[in-house]
């Protein structure tokens, strides 16, 4: 919960100028709660026993293959073909582990890896990027998205114990039957309360964390 308010003088000034009260205070209250929702959605809340997407212990994770030199798993050290092999391997993993019962449709990447595959050609004489080629040829994934929340630096800053190593990508089925962020109460503004010379609007919401009903519908690739 949070709140915002207007002083008696702010209200009288608005009346005198025949203008509406400043909306930015209300917008800031909404934004503060949405940022909290987003943090809990990815990282959970250990103090309140809320599960986040990245704290679910049942999602399979695999370190991607090393490059041809056998010394690095990082995409910065790999060819386009090796990057495509990593993307296909993680996209195909839920299908193989469930004998086709689960088929992911979305691949989530850190923003820097997302930018790289969308701006790097498939080969030296190609006008197709790595991302374009992958989307045209992988039989399951139809969307590639990015997220800052899965960056290693943000995981380290928000998790007591990071379950993954290095930068990660996640292949998952974007379907409420597979995973949901439970929100019993969306943002709600309660009646105005007069407190001294200020009129305060209390706001609240309720969140129950992320529920993953089919963990094998997802797969995490580490070390990209």
Protein backbone atom coordinates (compact mmCIF):
# COMPACT_ATOMS: atom_id res chain seq x y z
CA UNK A 1 0.00 0.00 0.00
CA UNK A 2 0.91 3.63 -0.43
CA UNK A 3 -0.86 6.97 -0.71
CA UNK A 4 -0.75 10.44 -2.17
CA UNK A 5 -2.31 13.67 -1.00
CA UNK A 6 -2.97 17.32 -1.55
CA UNK A 7 -2.62 20.10 0.98
CA UNK A 8 -5.47 22.47 1.68
CA UNK A 9 -3.53 25.23 -0.06
CA UNK A 10 -2.94 23.10 -3.19
CA UNK A 11 -6.68 22.46 -3.43
CA UNK A 12 -7.53 26.15 -2.99
CA UNK A 13 -4.91 27.14 -5.55
CA UNK A 14 -6.43 24.72 -8.05
CA UNK A 15 -9.92 26.10 -7.36
CA UNK A 16 -8.69 29.66 -7.75
CA UNK A 17 -6.98 28.88 -11.06
CA UNK A 18 -9.94 26.76 -12.21
CA UNK A 19 -7.58 23.86 -12.91
CA UNK A 20 -7.58 20.17 -12.01
CA UNK A 21 -5.34 18.91 -9.24
CA UNK A 22 -1.90 17.67 -10.29
CA UNK A 23 -2.24 14.14 -11.72
CA UNK A 24 1.41 13.25 -11.33
CA UNK A 25 1.03 12.38 -7.65
CA UNK A 26 -1.55 9.72 -8.48
CA UNK A 27 0.58 8.47 -11.38
CA UNK A 28 3.57 8.13 -9.05
CA UNK A 29 1.53 6.02 -6.61
CA UNK A 30 0.44 3.71 -9.43
CA UNK A 31 3.97 3.41 -10.76
CA UNK A 32 5.43 2.60 -7.33
CA UNK A 33 3.02 -0.29 -6.88
CA UNK A 34 3.57 -1.59 -10.43
CA UNK A 35 7.32 -1.60 -9.88
CA UNK A 36 6.77 -3.68 -6.75
CA UNK A 37 4.56 -6.10 -8.68
CA UNK A 38 7.24 -6.44 -11.33
CA UNK A 39 10.01 -7.08 -8.78
CA UNK A 40 7.94 -9.76 -7.03
CA UNK A 41 6.95 -11.30 -10.36
CA UNK A 42 10.59 -12.00 -11.22
CA UNK A 43 12.31 -12.35 -7.85
CA UNK A 44 9.52 -13.22 -5.41
CA UNK A 45 9.42 -12.02 -1.82
CA UNK A 46 11.16 -14.34 0.61
CA UNK A 47 9.93 -12.41 3.66
CA UNK A 48 6.34 -13.15 2.73
CA UNK A 49 6.88 -16.55 1.12
CA UNK A 50 5.96 -15.37 -2.39
CA UNK A 51 7.40 -17.28 -5.33
CA UNK A 52 8.88 -15.40 -8.28
CA UNK A 53 9.54 -16.60 -11.82
CA UNK A 54 13.29 -16.88 -11.26
CA UNK A 55 13.01 -18.52 -7.83
CA UNK A 56 10.97 -21.53 -8.91
CA UNK A 57 13.18 -24.57 -8.21
CA UNK A 58 11.49 -26.87 -10.74
CA UNK A 59 12.35 -25.17 -14.04
CA UNK A 60 15.07 -27.18 -15.87
CA UNK A 61 18.29 -25.27 -16.52
CA UNK A 62 21.28 -26.18 -18.67
CA UNK A 63 24.58 -24.46 -19.39
CA UNK A 64 24.91 -23.89 -23.14
CA UNK A 65 27.67 -25.57 -25.14
CA UNK A 66 31.14 -24.06 -25.38
CA UNK A 67 32.34 -22.54 -28.63
CA UNK A 68 34.37 -24.42 -31.20
CA UNK A 69 37.56 -23.56 -29.34
CA UNK A 70 36.10 -25.19 -26.25
CA UNK A 71 36.90 -22.27 -23.94
CA UNK A 72 33.78 -20.08 -23.72
CA UNK A 73 29.99 -20.31 -23.65
CA UNK A 74 29.50 -16.57 -24.21
CA UNK A 75 27.72 -15.47 -27.36
CA UNK A 76 30.31 -12.74 -27.82
CA UNK A 77 32.83 -15.52 -28.48
CA UNK A 78 30.62 -17.59 -30.77
CA UNK A 79 29.74 -17.68 -34.42
CA UNK A 80 26.20 -17.11 -35.64
CA UNK A 81 25.81 -20.86 -36.20
CA UNK A 82 26.86 -21.58 -32.62
CA UNK A 83 24.42 -19.00 -31.26
CA UNK A 84 21.63 -20.50 -33.33
CA UNK A 85 22.52 -23.94 -31.98
CA UNK A 86 22.18 -22.62 -28.41
CA UNK A 87 18.81 -21.01 -29.15
CA UNK A 88 17.46 -24.12 -30.84
CA UNK A 89 18.71 -26.39 -28.06
CA UNK A 90 16.92 -24.47 -25.32
CA UNK A 91 13.77 -24.03 -27.41
CA UNK A 92 13.66 -27.74 -28.17
CA UNK A 93 14.39 -28.88 -24.61
CA UNK A 94 10.79 -28.69 -23.25
CA UNK A 95 9.56 -30.57 -26.31
CA UNK A 96 12.11 -33.34 -25.90
CA UNK A 97 11.73 -33.65 -22.12
CA UNK A 98 7.93 -33.97 -22.34
CA UNK A 99 7.76 -36.05 -25.54
CA UNK A 100 5.99 -33.20 -27.28
CA UNK A 101 3.39 -32.52 -24.57
CA UNK A 102 4.91 -29.06 -24.02
CA UNK A 103 5.91 -26.70 -26.81
CA UNK A 104 7.34 -23.27 -25.90
CA UNK A 105 6.36 -20.32 -28.05
CA UNK A 106 8.48 -17.49 -26.59
CA UNK A 107 12.19 -16.96 -26.02
CA UNK A 108 13.19 -14.38 -23.40
CA UNK A 109 16.66 -12.80 -23.54
CA UNK A 110 18.64 -10.12 -21.68
CA UNK A 111 18.35 -6.87 -23.62
CA UNK A 112 22.02 -6.91 -24.69
CA UNK A 113 21.73 -10.42 -26.17
CA UNK A 114 18.38 -9.49 -27.76
CA UNK A 115 19.97 -6.48 -29.43
CA UNK A 116 22.93 -8.54 -30.61
CA UNK A 117 20.93 -11.23 -32.41
CA UNK A 118 18.65 -8.61 -33.99
CA UNK A 119 21.57 -6.56 -35.34
CA UNK A 120 24.04 -9.29 -36.32
CA UNK A 121 23.83 -10.89 -39.79
CA UNK A 122 23.30 -14.62 -40.10
CA UNK A 123 26.50 -14.73 -42.15
CA UNK A 124 28.87 -12.36 -43.92
CA UNK A 125 26.90 -12.42 -47.18
CA UNK A 126 23.40 -12.54 -45.70
CA UNK A 127 20.81 -9.78 -45.28
CA UNK A 128 19.06 -11.87 -42.59
CA UNK A 129 19.87 -11.42 -38.91
CA UNK A 130 20.37 -14.28 -36.45
CA UNK A 131 16.95 -13.52 -34.93
CA UNK A 132 15.20 -13.50 -38.31
CA UNK A 133 16.72 -16.82 -39.29
CA UNK A 134 15.83 -18.42 -35.97
CA UNK A 135 12.19 -17.29 -36.06
CA UNK A 136 11.79 -18.51 -39.63
CA UNK A 137 13.22 -21.94 -38.97
CA UNK A 138 12.52 -22.99 -35.39
CA UNK A 139 9.23 -24.94 -35.41
CA UNK A 140 8.10 -23.76 -31.96
CA UNK A 141 9.23 -20.23 -31.08
CA UNK A 142 7.28 -17.42 -32.71
CA UNK A 143 8.29 -14.52 -30.43
CA UNK A 144 11.60 -13.27 -29.03
CA UNK A 145 11.38 -10.79 -26.16
CA UNK A 146 13.84 -9.02 -23.87
CA UNK A 147 13.91 -8.37 -20.15
CA UNK A 148 16.28 -6.39 -17.96
CA UNK A 149 15.13 -8.33 -14.92
CA UNK A 150 16.91 -11.50 -16.01
CA UNK A 151 20.29 -9.77 -16.34
CA UNK A 152 22.85 -11.31 -14.01
CA UNK A 153 23.54 -7.95 -12.34
CA UNK A 154 19.86 -7.47 -11.51
CA UNK A 155 19.45 -11.05 -10.31
CA UNK A 156 22.43 -10.62 -7.99
CA UNK A 157 21.02 -7.35 -6.65
CA UNK A 158 17.53 -8.74 -6.00
CA UNK A 159 18.04 -12.38 -5.02
CA UNK A 160 19.58 -13.66 -1.80
CA UNK A 161 20.88 -16.66 -3.75
CA UNK A 162 21.00 -16.55 -7.55
CA UNK A 163 20.08 -20.01 -8.86
CA UNK A 164 21.64 -19.39 -12.28
CA UNK A 165 25.11 -18.75 -13.62
CA UNK A 166 25.93 -15.91 -16.02
CA UNK A 167 23.45 -14.41 -18.46
CA UNK A 168 20.43 -16.59 -19.18
CA UNK A 169 17.69 -17.11 -21.72
CA UNK A 170 14.30 -18.68 -21.03
CA UNK A 171 12.13 -20.62 -23.46
CA UNK A 172 8.57 -20.84 -22.18
CA UNK A 173 4.93 -21.30 -23.14
CA UNK A 174 3.23 -17.94 -22.77
CA UNK A 175 -0.10 -19.25 -21.59
CA UNK A 176 -2.07 -18.67 -18.36
CA UNK A 177 -2.61 -22.43 -18.20
CA UNK A 178 1.16 -22.79 -17.77
CA UNK A 179 2.12 -19.74 -15.67
CA UNK A 180 0.34 -16.81 -14.02
CA UNK A 181 1.11 -13.80 -11.88
CA UNK A 182 -1.67 -13.91 -9.30
CA UNK A 183 -3.18 -10.52 -8.45
CA UNK A 184 -6.14 -10.91 -6.04
CA UNK A 185 -6.51 -7.12 -5.96
CA UNK A 186 -5.33 -4.73 -8.64
CA UNK A 187 -4.49 -1.10 -7.82
CA UNK A 188 -7.33 0.45 -5.82
CA UNK A 189 -7.83 3.98 -4.51
CA UNK A 190 -9.84 4.30 -1.32
CA UNK A 191 -11.98 7.29 -0.26
CA UNK A 192 -10.14 10.50 0.58
CA UNK A 193 -9.12 10.92 4.20
CA UNK A 194 -8.70 14.33 5.83
CA UNK A 195 -5.54 14.45 7.93
CA UNK A 196 -4.90 17.85 9.44
CA UNK A 197 -4.44 20.24 6.53
CA UNK A 198 -3.97 17.49 3.95
CA UNK A 199 -6.39 15.30 2.03
CA UNK A 200 -4.86 11.86 1.54
CA UNK A 201 -5.88 9.09 -0.89
CA UNK A 202 -4.84 5.65 0.44
CA UNK A 203 -4.01 3.08 -2.28
CA UNK A 204 -3.47 -0.63 -2.07
CA UNK A 205 -3.20 -3.85 -4.05
CA UNK A 206 -2.58 -7.53 -3.32
CA UNK A 207 -0.22 -9.93 -5.06
CA UNK A 208 0.29 -13.65 -4.56
CA UNK A 209 3.42 -14.19 -6.66
CA UNK A 210 4.00 -16.36 -9.72
CA UNK A 211 2.44 -19.78 -10.04
CA UNK A 212 4.02 -22.15 -12.59
CA UNK A 213 1.64 -25.02 -13.19
CA UNK A 214 3.82 -26.85 -15.72
CA UNK A 215 7.52 -26.25 -14.92
CA UNK A 216 8.59 -28.49 -17.81
CA UNK A 217 6.92 -26.07 -20.21
CA UNK A 218 10.02 -23.92 -19.67
CA UNK A 219 13.78 -24.25 -19.93
CA UNK A 220 16.65 -21.97 -18.94
CA UNK A 221 19.91 -21.72 -20.85
CA UNK A 222 22.80 -20.42 -18.74
CA UNK A 223 26.10 -18.81 -19.63
CA UNK A 224 25.19 -16.96 -22.83
